[in-house]
Protein backbone atom coordinates (compact mmCIF):
# COMPACT_ATOMS: atom_id res chain seq x y z
CA MET A 1 92.47 89.34 133.16
CA GLN A 2 90.36 91.93 134.12
CA PHE A 3 88.02 93.59 131.48
CA ILE A 4 87.35 97.14 132.02
CA SER A 5 85.26 98.64 129.24
CA GLN A 6 83.78 97.95 125.81
CA THR A 7 82.61 99.64 122.74
CA THR A 8 81.01 98.72 119.32
CA SER A 9 81.69 100.55 116.45
CA ASP A 10 81.72 100.17 112.46
CA GLY A 11 81.77 96.31 113.18
CA VAL A 12 84.44 96.22 115.64
CA VAL A 13 84.13 95.22 119.40
CA GLU A 14 86.96 97.12 121.42
CA SER A 15 87.79 95.58 124.51
CA SER A 16 90.24 97.48 127.16
CA PHE A 17 91.56 94.84 129.74
CA THR A 18 94.61 94.41 132.32
CA VAL A 19 96.89 91.38 132.64
CA GLY A 20 99.03 91.22 135.85
CA GLY A 21 98.73 94.83 135.67
CA VAL A 22 99.48 95.63 132.05
CA PRO A 23 96.94 97.41 129.97
CA GLY A 24 95.95 96.03 126.93
CA VAL A 25 93.03 96.20 124.32
CA LEU A 26 91.24 93.82 122.13
CA TRP A 27 89.58 94.35 118.90
CA SER A 28 87.04 91.41 117.90
CA PRO A 29 84.17 91.19 115.17
CA ASP A 30 80.78 92.41 116.65
CA VAL A 31 78.63 89.34 115.30
CA GLY A 32 78.59 85.84 116.74
CA ALA A 33 81.29 83.52 114.76
CA ASP A 34 83.02 80.69 115.06
CA PRO A 35 86.49 80.84 117.37
CA ALA A 36 88.97 82.82 115.27
CA PRO A 37 92.87 83.10 115.35
CA LEU A 38 94.79 85.81 116.91
CA VAL A 39 96.97 88.68 116.28
CA LEU A 40 99.35 90.54 118.73
CA MET A 41 100.03 93.92 117.50
CA GLY A 42 103.16 95.88 118.72
CA HIS A 43 103.33 99.67 119.00
CA PRO A 44 106.29 101.43 117.78
CA GLY A 45 108.35 103.43 120.24
CA GLY A 46 107.11 106.56 122.14
CA LEU A 47 103.49 105.47 120.79
CA HIS A 48 100.70 103.31 122.63
CA LYS A 49 98.37 100.64 122.31
CA LYS A 50 95.39 103.04 120.73
CA ALA A 51 97.98 104.58 118.30
CA GLY A 52 96.30 105.80 115.15
CA GLY A 53 97.85 103.44 112.69
CA LEU A 54 97.82 100.47 114.66
CA VAL A 55 93.70 100.87 115.53
CA ALA A 56 93.38 101.13 111.73
CA ARG A 57 95.19 98.00 111.07
CA ALA A 58 93.34 96.39 113.49
CA ALA A 59 90.23 97.12 112.37
CA HIS A 60 91.02 95.59 108.55
CA LEU A 61 92.22 92.46 110.07
CA VAL A 62 88.65 91.98 112.14
CA THR A 63 86.57 93.51 109.96
CA VAL A 64 87.88 91.62 106.32
CA PHE A 65 89.46 88.51 107.95
CA GLY A 66 87.57 87.74 110.88
CA PHE A 67 90.57 87.64 112.97
CA HIS A 68 91.06 89.08 116.68
CA ALA A 69 93.27 91.60 117.62
CA ALA A 70 95.30 92.48 120.66
CA ALA A 71 97.85 95.27 121.64
CA ILE A 72 99.44 96.16 125.25
CA ASP A 73 101.48 99.19 126.12
CA ALA A 74 105.15 98.28 126.33
CA PRO A 75 106.96 99.27 129.43
CA GLY A 76 106.99 102.82 129.82
CA HIS A 77 104.75 103.64 127.37
CA GLY A 78 100.80 104.59 126.82
CA ASP A 79 99.25 103.94 130.21
CA ARG A 80 102.34 102.67 132.12
CA GLU A 81 104.42 105.07 134.07
CA ARG A 82 108.29 105.09 132.69
CA SER A 83 110.82 104.22 135.32
CA ALA A 84 113.93 106.83 136.09
CA SER A 85 116.27 104.66 134.20
CA ASP A 86 114.05 104.49 130.98
CA ALA A 87 113.69 108.38 131.56
CA ALA A 88 117.15 108.65 130.92
CA TRP A 89 117.22 106.76 127.99
CA VAL A 90 114.86 108.96 126.56
CA ASP A 91 116.90 111.82 127.72
CA GLU A 92 119.97 110.63 126.07
CA MET A 93 117.96 109.99 122.88
CA GLN A 94 116.77 113.65 122.83
CA ARG A 95 120.06 114.67 123.44
CA ALA A 96 121.90 112.98 120.64
CA ARG A 97 119.17 114.09 118.30
CA ARG A 98 119.53 117.62 118.99
CA ALA A 99 123.22 117.28 118.61
CA GLY A 100 122.72 115.13 115.47
CA GLU A 101 124.58 112.41 116.59
CA PRO A 102 124.11 108.98 115.41
CA LEU A 103 120.86 107.08 117.62
CA GLY A 104 121.83 103.37 116.58
CA SER A 105 123.50 102.65 119.34
CA ILE A 106 121.43 104.49 122.11
CA VAL A 107 118.18 103.17 120.37
CA ALA A 108 118.86 99.57 120.21
CA ALA A 109 120.23 99.43 123.99
CA PHE A 110 117.15 100.88 125.15
CA ASN A 111 114.52 98.55 122.81
CA ALA A 112 116.53 95.32 124.36
CA SER A 113 116.13 96.71 127.59
CA ILE A 114 112.36 97.08 126.97
CA ALA A 115 111.71 93.86 124.85
CA GLU A 116 113.45 91.98 127.86
CA ARG A 117 110.80 93.16 129.78
CA ALA A 118 108.20 92.75 127.10
CA VAL A 119 108.25 89.54 126.08
CA PRO A 120 107.45 87.85 129.09
CA GLU A 121 104.06 90.49 129.32
CA TRP A 122 103.19 89.52 125.91
CA ARG A 123 103.36 85.43 126.95
CA ALA A 124 101.06 86.18 129.76
CA THR A 125 98.78 88.32 127.52
CA LEU A 126 98.52 85.63 125.08
CA ASP A 127 97.80 82.85 127.65
CA ALA A 128 94.70 84.77 128.79
CA LEU A 129 93.50 86.00 125.62
CA GLN A 130 93.53 82.36 124.54
CA ALA A 131 91.42 80.97 127.33
CA LEU A 132 88.50 83.91 125.70
CA PRO A 133 86.04 81.54 124.19
CA GLY A 134 85.93 83.47 120.85
CA ILE A 135 89.64 82.95 120.28
CA ASP A 136 90.76 79.80 118.57
CA ALA A 137 93.82 78.51 120.56
CA ASP A 138 94.28 75.91 118.17
CA ARG A 139 95.51 77.96 115.25
CA PRO A 140 99.03 79.67 115.20
CA VAL A 141 99.07 83.42 116.06
CA GLY A 142 100.36 86.09 114.34
CA TYR A 143 102.56 89.43 115.56
CA SER A 144 102.61 93.07 113.74
CA GLY A 145 105.25 95.91 114.32
CA MET A 146 107.75 98.20 113.65
CA THR A 147 110.48 99.83 115.54
CA LEU A 148 110.19 98.77 119.20
CA ALA A 149 107.79 96.33 118.16
CA THR A 150 110.04 95.01 115.79
CA GLU A 151 112.88 94.36 118.42
CA ILE A 152 110.14 92.71 120.59
CA GLY A 153 108.58 90.80 118.12
CA PHE A 154 112.13 88.85 116.79
CA ARG A 155 112.25 88.19 120.54
CA LEU A 156 108.88 87.22 121.00
CA ALA A 157 108.85 84.61 117.78
CA ALA A 158 112.24 83.05 118.62
CA ALA A 159 110.85 82.38 121.88
CA GLU A 160 107.10 81.59 121.53
CA PRO A 161 106.00 78.62 119.94
CA ARG A 162 102.59 79.62 119.51
CA ILE A 163 103.65 82.49 116.93
CA GLY A 164 102.92 81.25 113.59
CA ALA A 165 104.11 84.45 111.20
CA VAL A 166 105.15 88.07 111.68
CA GLY A 167 105.48 91.45 110.06
CA LEU A 168 108.18 93.44 111.21
CA GLY A 169 110.61 96.39 109.98
CA ALA A 170 112.64 99.26 110.66
CA ALA A 171 114.86 98.52 113.49
CA PHE A 172 118.46 98.86 114.32
CA ALA A 173 120.54 95.90 113.39
CA SER A 174 122.65 95.56 117.04
CA ASP A 175 124.69 92.22 116.93
CA ALA A 176 122.29 90.93 119.63
CA LEU A 177 119.25 91.25 117.63
CA LEU A 178 120.93 89.76 114.88
CA ASP A 179 121.62 86.85 116.52
CA VAL A 180 118.32 86.82 117.33
CA ALA A 181 116.74 86.91 113.76
CA ARG A 182 118.82 83.90 113.23
CA GLY A 183 116.86 82.06 115.80
CA VAL A 184 113.53 83.10 113.86
CA SER A 185 112.04 79.96 111.81
CA VAL A 186 108.19 81.13 110.99
CA PRO A 187 107.47 83.08 107.69
CA VAL A 188 108.54 86.93 108.27
CA GLN A 189 107.30 89.64 105.99
CA PHE A 190 109.75 92.23 106.34
CA LEU A 191 109.23 96.01 105.76
CA LEU A 192 112.33 98.28 104.69
CA PRO A 193 111.94 102.23 104.92
CA TRP A 194 114.08 102.91 102.11
CA ASP A 195 114.52 106.77 103.19
CA ASP A 196 114.73 106.75 106.83
CA PRO A 197 116.66 109.55 108.22
CA GLU A 198 117.51 107.76 111.21
CA ILE A 199 117.35 104.32 110.46
CA GLY A 200 119.35 103.48 107.32
CA ARG A 201 118.38 101.14 104.92
CA GLU A 202 121.96 98.91 105.73
CA SER A 203 120.10 97.95 108.96
CA GLY A 204 116.96 96.77 107.41
CA LEU A 205 118.79 94.72 105.01
CA ALA A 206 121.10 93.51 107.68
CA LEU A 207 118.42 92.06 109.50
CA TYR A 208 116.59 90.65 106.77
CA ASP A 209 119.74 88.72 105.42
CA ALA A 210 119.91 87.31 109.15
CA ILE A 211 116.30 86.11 109.69
CA GLY A 212 116.51 82.18 109.42
CA SER A 213 113.07 81.38 108.52
CA ALA A 214 112.99 79.34 105.20
CA GLU A 215 109.96 81.83 104.14
CA LYS A 216 110.86 85.22 104.37
CA SER A 217 109.90 88.51 102.06
CA LEU A 218 111.42 92.01 101.76
CA HIS A 219 109.07 94.77 101.17
CA ALA A 220 111.00 97.84 100.49
CA PHE A 221 108.84 101.47 100.57
CA PRO A 222 109.94 105.06 99.61
CA GLY A 223 109.86 107.28 102.85
CA PRO A 224 110.24 106.88 106.19
CA HIS A 225 108.99 104.51 108.74
CA GLN A 226 106.57 106.69 109.95
CA SER A 227 104.65 106.56 106.55
CA VAL A 228 104.38 102.82 105.62
CA PRO A 229 101.88 102.58 102.48
CA SER A 230 98.38 101.25 103.31
CA PHE A 231 98.82 98.76 100.38
CA GLU A 232 101.65 97.34 102.80
CA ALA A 233 99.25 96.97 105.58
CA GLU A 234 96.73 95.28 103.33
CA ASP A 235 99.19 92.94 101.61
CA PHE A 236 100.33 92.19 105.19
CA ALA A 237 96.84 91.00 106.29
CA ARG A 238 96.75 88.63 103.10
CA PHE A 239 100.13 87.51 104.27
CA LEU A 240 98.58 86.51 107.71
CA ALA A 241 95.16 85.13 106.40
CA ARG A 242 97.55 82.79 104.10
CA HIS A 243 99.14 81.41 107.20
CA LEU A 244 96.99 81.81 110.08
CA LEU A 245 93.15 80.99 109.05
CA PRO A 246 92.05 77.63 107.69
CA GLU A 247 92.59 77.26 103.76
CA THR A 248 88.69 77.77 102.85
CA HIS A 249 89.02 81.14 104.46
CA SER A 250 92.07 82.69 103.71
CA GLY A 251 91.34 83.88 100.17
CA ALA A 252 89.60 87.21 101.17
C-alpha cells in the first residue's frame, strides 16, 4: 500500500492510496481513538471512488459511528484506463439504450466481467487496510454498494469470510448472480428502487428471494436507483453498527 495524499475536513481524514496499482481512498476519524472496524464502499457503474453520494455516506459512517470507510475504483472506472473489451461493452450498452432495447443481459454480463476482476482487488485492499494500526482487524467488515457494486458485493460476501454484513441493491438478476446470492450467509439489507426504468423490480425481488442469509431485510423506495433516500442510507449505517461494532458502541 502506498499513500499518495491526505486532507482533513469536517472531522474526516481522507487518504488517497494505491494497492497493486489500484487507486483507492480511505476515510477515517480525525481524532485519536481506539481501533475501529472497516466498511468497504463500492461505487455504481459509470462512477468512481469519490462519487458524491458515496463520499457523503462515508462521512456519515465516520463521524456518527467512528468507522473507517474505504473505496477503490472498479476496473475501467475512475482513474483506471478502460480496456478495449470494456469499451466495447460500454458502446453496446449505449447503442441498446438509444434503440430502446432491454439492457439486462448486456449489463449483467459486463458487470460479471468487472466483478470477476474486482473481487481479488478488494481482497488485496482489505489485506492492506487491516494491517493499518487504526483499523480493528478483529472485527467483521461491512460492504455497501448498488448496481455494479452489488454484483461485486454478492461475490465478495460469498468468497470473503471477513465480510460480516452487507447492503446491496438494484442489480439485474442473472442466473449466475442468483447462484452467487444463494451462497451469501451474512446479514443483508437489500434496497429495491420500485420505479427504476431500467432495472425492473422483478429483478430485485428475485435477488432478494435468492439470498441465502438467515437475516435479510428488503427496503423498497419510490423512484430509480439514482435517488436513494437519505433515511435509507442512515438506516443502513445503523444496520452496520449493530453487526460490526461492539455492543456498547452500536446504539448511536
